[in-house]
């Protein structure tokens, strides 16, 4: 469960958090207050960039596509389980 930094109740689904990038603010599903991911979320994109780099350097399209898919999946997992939600005080 993804907890809201305001009310400690369920803030959003895991799928919704996996697509929440840095700088994007959304409302908590429980209390409606704005939440966002911590600024360190920019580093969650590193696996996807590395997958793209591996695709460009690979001699096999299949291996390159697998690297991109793996990088995107790793990015979503990092974003979902390692990057915390913070208050979006404006």
N, C-alpha and C. Protein backbone atom coordinates (compact mmCIF):
# COMPACT_ATOMS: atom_id res chain seq x y z
N UNK A 1 0.85 -1.18 0.00
CA UNK A 1 0.00 0.00 0.00
C UNK A 1 0.89 1.25 0.00
N UNK A 2 0.54 2.19 -0.81
CA UNK A 2 1.25 3.46 -0.90
C UNK A 2 0.57 4.43 0.06
N UNK A 3 1.28 4.83 1.11
CA UNK A 3 0.69 5.69 2.14
C UNK A 3 0.89 7.17 1.83
N UNK A 4 -0.13 7.94 2.13
CA UNK A 4 -0.11 9.39 1.97
C UNK A 4 0.76 10.01 3.07
N UNK A 5 1.61 10.98 2.73
CA UNK A 5 2.41 11.63 3.76
C UNK A 5 1.59 12.55 4.67
N UNK A 6 0.36 12.86 4.29
CA UNK A 6 -0.51 13.68 5.13
C UNK A 6 -1.33 12.84 6.10
N UNK A 7 -2.11 11.89 5.55
CA UNK A 7 -3.10 11.17 6.36
C UNK A 7 -2.70 9.73 6.68
N UNK A 8 -1.60 9.24 6.13
CA UNK A 8 -1.13 7.86 6.32
C UNK A 8 -2.12 6.81 5.86
N UNK A 9 -3.09 7.19 5.07
CA UNK A 9 -4.04 6.24 4.49
C UNK A 9 -3.58 5.91 3.06
N UNK A 10 -4.32 5.08 2.38
CA UNK A 10 -3.99 4.68 1.00
C UNK A 10 -4.03 5.91 0.10
N UNK A 11 -2.91 6.21 -0.54
CA UNK A 11 -2.83 7.39 -1.39
C UNK A 11 -3.17 7.08 -2.85
N UNK A 12 -2.75 5.89 -3.32
CA UNK A 12 -2.97 5.53 -4.72
C UNK A 12 -2.61 4.06 -4.91
N UNK A 13 -2.94 3.55 -6.07
CA UNK A 13 -2.60 2.16 -6.38
C UNK A 13 -1.11 2.06 -6.77
N UNK A 14 -0.59 0.85 -6.74
CA UNK A 14 0.79 0.62 -7.13
C UNK A 14 1.03 0.98 -8.59
N UNK A 15 0.07 0.66 -9.44
CA UNK A 15 0.19 0.96 -10.87
C UNK A 15 0.25 2.46 -11.10
N UNK A 16 -0.57 3.19 -10.39
CA UNK A 16 -0.58 4.64 -10.55
C UNK A 16 0.74 5.25 -10.08
N UNK A 17 1.29 4.74 -8.99
CA UNK A 17 2.56 5.28 -8.50
C UNK A 17 3.70 4.93 -9.43
N UNK A 18 3.65 3.78 -10.08
CA UNK A 18 4.74 3.40 -10.98
C UNK A 18 4.87 4.36 -12.15
N UNK A 19 3.79 5.04 -12.52
CA UNK A 19 3.83 6.00 -13.61
C UNK A 19 3.97 7.44 -13.16
N UNK A 20 4.09 7.65 -11.87
CA UNK A 20 4.19 9.00 -11.33
C UNK A 20 5.64 9.44 -11.37
N UNK A 21 5.93 10.43 -12.17
CA UNK A 21 7.29 10.90 -12.30
C UNK A 21 7.57 12.11 -11.44
N UNK A 22 8.82 12.53 -11.40
CA UNK A 22 9.19 13.69 -10.59
C UNK A 22 8.54 14.97 -11.14
N UNK A 23 8.10 15.81 -10.23
CA UNK A 23 7.49 17.08 -10.62
C UNK A 23 6.01 16.99 -10.91
N UNK A 24 5.47 15.81 -10.95
CA UNK A 24 4.04 15.64 -11.21
C UNK A 24 3.30 15.51 -9.89
N UNK A 25 2.29 16.32 -9.68
CA UNK A 25 1.52 16.31 -8.45
C UNK A 25 0.14 15.73 -8.72
N UNK A 26 -0.30 14.83 -7.83
CA UNK A 26 -1.65 14.29 -7.92
C UNK A 26 -2.29 14.32 -6.54
N UNK A 27 -3.59 14.19 -6.51
CA UNK A 27 -4.32 14.22 -5.25
C UNK A 27 -4.36 12.83 -4.62
N UNK A 28 -4.22 12.79 -3.30
CA UNK A 28 -4.35 11.54 -2.55
C UNK A 28 -5.78 11.04 -2.70
N UNK A 29 -5.94 9.74 -2.90
CA UNK A 29 -7.27 9.17 -3.05
C UNK A 29 -8.07 9.22 -1.75
N UNK A 30 -7.39 9.32 -0.60
CA UNK A 30 -8.09 9.32 0.68
C UNK A 30 -8.45 10.72 1.17
N UNK A 31 -7.47 11.62 1.21
CA UNK A 31 -7.72 12.95 1.77
C UNK A 31 -7.80 14.05 0.72
N UNK A 32 -7.35 13.78 -0.49
CA UNK A 32 -7.43 14.77 -1.56
C UNK A 32 -6.31 15.79 -1.59
N UNK A 33 -5.37 15.71 -0.65
CA UNK A 33 -4.26 16.67 -0.63
C UNK A 33 -3.23 16.28 -1.69
N UNK A 34 -2.49 17.28 -2.20
CA UNK A 34 -1.52 17.01 -3.28
C UNK A 34 -0.28 16.29 -2.77
N UNK A 35 0.09 15.23 -3.47
CA UNK A 35 1.31 14.48 -3.17
C UNK A 35 2.13 14.33 -4.44
N UNK A 36 3.42 14.10 -4.26
CA UNK A 36 4.32 13.90 -5.40
C UNK A 36 5.45 12.99 -4.95
N UNK A 37 6.26 12.53 -5.88
CA UNK A 37 7.40 11.69 -5.50
C UNK A 37 8.56 12.57 -5.09
N UNK A 38 9.45 12.00 -4.32
CA UNK A 38 10.65 12.69 -3.87
C UNK A 38 11.50 13.05 -5.08
N UNK A 39 12.31 14.08 -4.95
CA UNK A 39 13.15 14.53 -6.06
C UNK A 39 14.13 13.49 -6.57
N UNK A 40 14.44 12.51 -5.75
CA UNK A 40 15.36 11.45 -6.18
C UNK A 40 14.75 10.56 -7.25
N UNK A 41 13.49 10.78 -7.59
CA UNK A 41 12.82 9.96 -8.61
C UNK A 41 13.45 10.11 -9.99
N UNK A 42 14.19 11.18 -10.21
CA UNK A 42 14.85 11.33 -11.51
C UNK A 42 15.85 10.20 -11.76
N UNK A 43 16.41 9.66 -10.66
CA UNK A 43 17.39 8.58 -10.82
C UNK A 43 16.74 7.24 -11.15
N UNK A 44 15.43 7.14 -10.99
CA UNK A 44 14.73 5.90 -11.33
C UNK A 44 14.75 5.64 -12.83
N UNK A 45 14.99 6.69 -13.61
CA UNK A 45 15.01 6.55 -15.07
C UNK A 45 16.33 5.99 -15.60
N UNK A 46 17.33 5.87 -14.76
CA UNK A 46 18.64 5.39 -15.22
C UNK A 46 18.57 4.02 -15.89
N UNK A 47 17.84 3.03 -15.34
CA UNK A 47 17.77 1.73 -16.02
C UNK A 47 17.16 1.83 -17.43
N UNK A 48 16.18 2.70 -17.61
CA UNK A 48 15.58 2.84 -18.94
C UNK A 48 16.58 3.45 -19.93
N UNK A 49 17.35 4.44 -19.48
CA UNK A 49 18.38 5.02 -20.34
C UNK A 49 19.46 4.00 -20.68
N UNK A 50 19.85 3.20 -19.69
CA UNK A 50 20.84 2.16 -19.95
C UNK A 50 20.31 1.11 -20.93
N UNK A 51 19.03 0.80 -20.82
CA UNK A 51 18.42 -0.13 -21.77
C UNK A 51 18.44 0.43 -23.19
N UNK A 52 18.17 1.72 -23.33
CA UNK A 52 18.25 2.36 -24.65
C UNK A 52 19.67 2.38 -25.19
N UNK A 53 20.62 2.63 -24.31
CA UNK A 53 22.02 2.62 -24.72
C UNK A 53 22.44 1.21 -25.17
N UNK A 54 22.00 0.20 -24.41
CA UNK A 54 22.31 -1.18 -24.79
C UNK A 54 21.69 -1.53 -26.14
N UNK A 55 20.49 -1.00 -26.41
CA UNK A 55 19.83 -1.24 -27.69
C UNK A 55 20.66 -0.65 -28.83
N UNK A 56 21.16 0.58 -28.62
CA UNK A 56 21.95 1.22 -29.68
C UNK A 56 23.27 0.50 -29.93
N UNK A 57 23.87 -0.07 -28.90
CA UNK A 57 25.16 -0.73 -29.04
C UNK A 57 25.05 -2.22 -29.41
N UNK A 58 23.85 -2.78 -29.29
CA UNK A 58 23.67 -4.20 -29.53
C UNK A 58 23.67 -4.52 -31.02
N UNK A 59 24.21 -5.68 -31.36
CA UNK A 59 24.18 -6.14 -32.74
C UNK A 59 22.91 -6.94 -33.01
N UNK A 60 22.20 -7.29 -31.96
CA UNK A 60 20.96 -8.06 -32.09
C UNK A 60 19.77 -7.19 -31.67
N UNK A 61 18.80 -7.07 -32.55
CA UNK A 61 17.60 -6.30 -32.23
C UNK A 61 16.84 -6.92 -31.07
N UNK A 62 16.78 -8.23 -31.03
CA UNK A 62 16.06 -8.92 -29.96
C UNK A 62 16.68 -8.62 -28.59
N UNK A 63 18.01 -8.66 -28.52
CA UNK A 63 18.70 -8.36 -27.27
C UNK A 63 18.48 -6.89 -26.89
N UNK A 64 18.52 -6.01 -27.87
CA UNK A 64 18.31 -4.58 -27.62
C UNK A 64 16.91 -4.28 -27.11
N UNK A 65 15.91 -4.89 -27.72
CA UNK A 65 14.53 -4.69 -27.28
C UNK A 65 14.34 -5.26 -25.87
N UNK A 66 14.94 -6.40 -25.59
CA UNK A 66 14.86 -6.98 -24.25
C UNK A 66 15.50 -6.05 -23.23
N UNK A 67 16.60 -5.39 -23.60
CA UNK A 67 17.26 -4.44 -22.69
C UNK A 67 16.36 -3.25 -22.41
N UNK A 68 15.68 -2.74 -23.42
CA UNK A 68 14.77 -1.61 -23.22
C UNK A 68 13.60 -2.02 -22.31
N UNK A 69 13.01 -3.16 -22.59
CA UNK A 69 11.88 -3.62 -21.77
C UNK A 69 12.32 -3.86 -20.33
N UNK A 70 13.48 -4.47 -20.16
CA UNK A 70 14.02 -4.69 -18.82
C UNK A 70 14.29 -3.37 -18.09
N UNK A 71 14.81 -2.40 -18.81
CA UNK A 71 15.08 -1.09 -18.21
C UNK A 71 13.82 -0.37 -17.79
N UNK A 72 12.79 -0.47 -18.61
CA UNK A 72 11.51 0.17 -18.27
C UNK A 72 10.86 -0.52 -17.08
N UNK A 73 10.92 -1.84 -17.05
CA UNK A 73 10.38 -2.57 -15.89
C UNK A 73 11.14 -2.24 -14.61
N UNK A 74 12.47 -2.16 -14.70
CA UNK A 74 13.27 -1.81 -13.53
C UNK A 74 12.94 -0.39 -13.06
N UNK A 75 12.76 0.52 -14.00
CA UNK A 75 12.40 1.88 -13.65
C UNK A 75 11.06 1.92 -12.91
N UNK A 76 10.08 1.18 -13.40
CA UNK A 76 8.76 1.15 -12.75
C UNK A 76 8.84 0.55 -11.36
N UNK A 77 9.64 -0.49 -11.18
CA UNK A 77 9.79 -1.10 -9.86
C UNK A 77 10.48 -0.16 -8.88
N UNK A 78 11.51 0.52 -9.33
CA UNK A 78 12.20 1.49 -8.47
C UNK A 78 11.25 2.61 -8.09
N UNK A 79 10.54 3.13 -9.07
CA UNK A 79 9.59 4.22 -8.83
C UNK A 79 8.50 3.79 -7.85
N UNK A 80 8.04 2.57 -7.94
CA UNK A 80 6.94 2.09 -7.10
C UNK A 80 7.39 1.78 -5.69
N UNK A 81 8.49 1.08 -5.52
CA UNK A 81 8.84 0.54 -4.22
C UNK A 81 9.97 1.27 -3.48
N UNK A 82 10.79 2.07 -4.16
CA UNK A 82 11.91 2.71 -3.49
C UNK A 82 11.77 4.22 -3.33
N UNK A 83 11.03 4.86 -4.21
CA UNK A 83 10.90 6.31 -4.17
C UNK A 83 9.69 6.67 -3.30
N UNK A 84 9.89 7.44 -2.24
CA UNK A 84 8.76 7.76 -1.35
C UNK A 84 7.89 8.90 -1.88
N UNK A 85 6.66 8.93 -1.39
CA UNK A 85 5.78 10.07 -1.64
C UNK A 85 6.09 11.17 -0.64
N UNK A 86 5.98 12.40 -1.08
CA UNK A 86 6.19 13.55 -0.19
C UNK A 86 5.04 14.53 -0.37
N UNK A 87 4.94 15.43 0.58
CA UNK A 87 3.91 16.46 0.51
C UNK A 87 4.26 17.44 -0.62
N UNK A 88 3.25 17.84 -1.35
CA UNK A 88 3.43 18.80 -2.44
C UNK A 88 2.91 20.15 -1.97
N UNK A 89 3.58 20.72 -0.99
CA UNK A 89 3.18 22.02 -0.47
C UNK A 89 3.53 23.11 -1.45
N UNK A 90 2.52 23.81 -1.89
CA UNK A 90 2.78 24.89 -2.87
C UNK A 90 2.50 26.24 -2.30
